[in-house]
Amino acid sequence: MKAQLVASETIVKEGIANHQRGAETVGGKLYLTTQRLVFESHDFNIQTVNLIPLMPNSIKVVTKAGQEHSFVVFGRDEWIRTIEGQDARI
């Protein structure tokens, strides 16, 4: 993980993910820590697609400020359970 962890912050879950922003998909890694959710893109990876995923592997995260972010991940249900469980602890 490139981002600096703050004091007493640890990584809870990590995995390969694509961040979807409209028709643009950016590949990288998604990290869930004890404090936040962090997406780090690959150094050079921008793709434009006009397809809707056929598999139910997308998650949508809404920040406290109301911003929506969509990610395509492996093991969507586990990601959702882990994020919801971690959110209850913060």
C-alpha atoms as a PDB file:
ATOM      1  CA  MET A   1       0.000   0.000   0.000  1.00  0.00           C
ATOM      2  CA  LYS A   2       1.433   3.349  -1.038  1.00  0.00           C
ATOM      3  CA  ALA A   3      -0.706   5.460   1.294  1.00  0.00           C
ATOM      4  CA  GLN A   4       0.688   6.025   4.758  1.00  0.00           C
ATOM      5  CA  LEU A   5      -1.201   4.345   7.570  1.00  0.00           C
ATOM      6  CA  VAL A   6      -2.016   6.584  10.521  1.00  0.00           C
ATOM      7  CA  ALA A   7      -1.301   5.628  14.120  1.00  0.00           C
ATOM      8  CA  SER A   8      -3.052   2.386  15.122  1.00  0.00           C
ATOM      9  CA  GLU A   9      -4.487   1.898  11.588  1.00  0.00           C
ATOM     10  CA  THR A  10      -4.163  -1.585  10.111  1.00  0.00           C
ATOM     11  CA  ILE A  11      -5.232  -3.218   6.853  1.00  0.00           C
ATOM     12  CA  VAL A  12      -8.332  -5.392   7.290  1.00  0.00           C
ATOM     13  CA  LYS A  13      -8.848  -6.515   3.668  1.00  0.00           C
ATOM     14  CA  GLU A  14      -7.225  -5.916   0.283  1.00  0.00           C
ATOM     15  CA  GLY A  15      -7.806  -7.062  -3.250  1.00  0.00           C
ATOM     16  CA  ILE A  16      -7.687  -6.289  -6.939  1.00  0.00           C
ATOM     17  CA  ALA A  17     -10.443  -3.904  -8.043  1.00  0.00           C
ATOM     18  CA  ASN A  18     -11.590  -1.650 -10.837  1.00  0.00           C
ATOM     19  CA  HIS A  19     -12.892   1.807  -9.975  1.00  0.00           C
ATOM     20  CA  GLN A  20     -15.773   2.732 -12.273  1.00  0.00           C
ATOM     21  CA  ARG A  21     -16.363   6.382 -13.090  1.00  0.00           C
ATOM     22  CA  GLY A  22     -19.036   6.579 -15.753  1.00  0.00           C
ATOM     23  CA  ALA A  23     -17.649   4.933 -18.891  1.00  0.00           C
ATOM     24  CA  GLU A  24     -14.094   4.971 -17.494  1.00  0.00           C
ATOM     25  CA  THR A  25     -12.675   2.021 -15.590  1.00  0.00           C
ATOM     26  CA  VAL A  26      -9.385   2.292 -13.702  1.00  0.00           C
ATOM     27  CA  GLY A  27      -7.640  -0.852 -12.454  1.00  0.00           C
ATOM     28  CA  GLY A  28      -5.826  -1.054  -9.144  1.00  0.00           C
ATOM     29  CA  LYS A  29      -6.107  -2.343  -5.573  1.00  0.00           C
ATOM     30  CA  LEU A  30      -8.726  -1.671  -2.946  1.00  0.00           C
ATOM     31  CA  TYR A  31      -7.767  -1.603   0.718  1.00  0.00           C
ATOM     32  CA  LEU A  32     -10.051  -1.576   3.734  1.00  0.00           C
ATOM     33  CA  THR A  33      -8.320  -0.428   6.886  1.00  0.00           C
ATOM     34  CA  THR A  34      -9.539   0.061  10.411  1.00  0.00           C
ATOM     35  CA  GLN A  35     -10.037   3.751   9.504  1.00  0.00           C
ATOM     36  CA  ARG A  36     -10.923   4.039   5.787  1.00  0.00           C
ATOM     37  CA  LEU A  37     -11.347   2.556   2.331  1.00  0.00           C
ATOM     38  CA  VAL A  38      -8.459   3.313  -0.053  1.00  0.00           C
ATOM     39  CA  PHE A  39      -8.248   2.698  -3.806  1.00  0.00           C
ATOM     40  CA  GLU A  40      -4.812   2.910  -5.424  1.00  0.00           C
ATOM     41  CA  SER A  41      -4.712   2.762  -9.209  1.00  0.00           C
ATOM     42  CA  HIS A  42      -1.998   1.057 -11.203  1.00  0.00           C
ATOM     43  CA  ASP A  43       0.671   3.478 -12.439  1.00  0.00           C
ATOM     44  CA  PHE A  44      -0.727   3.555 -15.985  1.00  0.00           C
ATOM     45  CA  ASN A  45      -4.139   2.029 -16.475  1.00  0.00           C
ATOM     46  CA  ILE A  46      -7.100   3.864 -17.953  1.00  0.00           C
ATOM     47  CA  GLN A  47      -9.702   2.048 -20.001  1.00  0.00           C
ATOM     48  CA  THR A  48     -12.931   3.284 -21.508  1.00  0.00           C
ATOM     49  CA  VAL A  49     -15.717   0.754 -21.674  1.00  0.00           C
ATOM     50  CA  ASN A  50     -19.386   0.995 -22.524  1.00  0.00           C
ATOM     51  CA  LEU A  51     -20.441  -2.348 -21.084  1.00  0.00           C
ATOM     52  CA  ILE A  52     -22.471  -3.142 -18.006  1.00  0.00           C
ATOM     53  CA  PRO A  53     -20.928  -5.995 -16.002  1.00  0.00           C
ATOM     54  CA  LEU A  54     -22.970  -9.185 -16.337  1.00  0.00           C
ATOM     55  CA  MET A  55     -21.753 -10.626 -13.057  1.00  0.00           C
ATOM     56  CA  PRO A  56     -23.003  -9.221  -9.750  1.00  0.00           C
ATOM     57  CA  ASN A  57     -19.523  -8.194  -8.627  1.00  0.00           C
ATOM     58  CA  SER A  58     -19.908  -4.426  -8.248  1.00  0.00           C
ATOM     59  CA  ILE A  59     -20.195  -2.543  -4.998  1.00  0.00           C
ATOM     60  CA  LYS A  60     -21.202   1.069  -4.501  1.00  0.00           C
ATOM     61  CA  VAL A  61     -19.787   3.033  -1.590  1.00  0.00           C
ATOM     62  CA  VAL A  62     -21.266   6.349  -0.483  1.00  0.00           C
ATOM     63  CA  THR A  63     -18.998   8.631   1.545  1.00  0.00           C
ATOM     64  CA  LYS A  64     -20.171  10.702   4.496  1.00  0.00           C
ATOM     65  CA  ALA A  65     -19.997  13.699   2.122  1.00  0.00           C
ATOM     66  CA  GLY A  66     -22.432  11.942  -0.236  1.00  0.00           C
ATOM     67  CA  GLN A  67     -19.963  11.028  -2.993  1.00  0.00           C
ATOM     68  CA  GLU A  68     -20.665   7.711  -4.721  1.00  0.00           C
ATOM     69  CA  HIS A  69     -17.889   5.346  -5.824  1.00  0.00           C
ATOM     70  CA  SER A  70     -18.386   2.045  -7.669  1.00  0.00           C
ATOM     71  CA  PHE A  71     -15.874  -0.777  -7.634  1.00  0.00           C
ATOM     72  CA  VAL A  72     -15.771  -4.131  -9.409  1.00  0.00           C
ATOM     73  CA  VAL A  73     -14.257  -6.678  -7.018  1.00  0.00           C
ATOM     74  CA  PHE A  74     -13.887 -10.425  -6.572  1.00  0.00           C
ATOM     75  CA  GLY A  75     -15.928 -11.748  -3.665  1.00  0.00           C
ATOM     76  CA  ARG A  76     -18.422  -8.887  -3.561  1.00  0.00           C
ATOM     77  CA  ASP A  77     -20.512 -10.305  -0.709  1.00  0.00           C
ATOM     78  CA  GLU A  78     -17.450 -10.735   1.497  1.00  0.00           C
ATOM     79  CA  TRP A  79     -16.329  -7.164   0.734  1.00  0.00           C
ATOM     80  CA  ILE A  80     -19.776  -5.843   1.666  1.00  0.00           C
ATOM     81  CA  ARG A  81     -19.887  -7.822   4.937  1.00  0.00           C
ATOM     82  CA  THR A  82     -16.369  -6.724   5.885  1.00  0.00           C
ATOM     83  CA  ILE A  83     -16.996  -3.043   5.056  1.00  0.00           C
ATOM     84  CA  GLU A  84     -20.289  -3.018   6.955  1.00  0.00           C
ATOM     85  CA  GLY A  85     -18.673  -4.762   9.913  1.00  0.00           C
ATOM     86  CA  GLN A  86     -15.782  -2.327   9.959  1.00  0.00           C
ATOM     87  CA  ASP A  87     -18.135   0.677   9.597  1.00  0.00           C
ATOM     88  CA  ALA A  88     -19.949  -0.407  12.741  1.00  0.00           C
ATOM     89  CA  ARG A  89     -16.631  -0.241  14.657  1.00  0.00           C
ATOM     90  CA  ILE A  90     -15.650   3.277  13.530  1.00  0.00           C
END
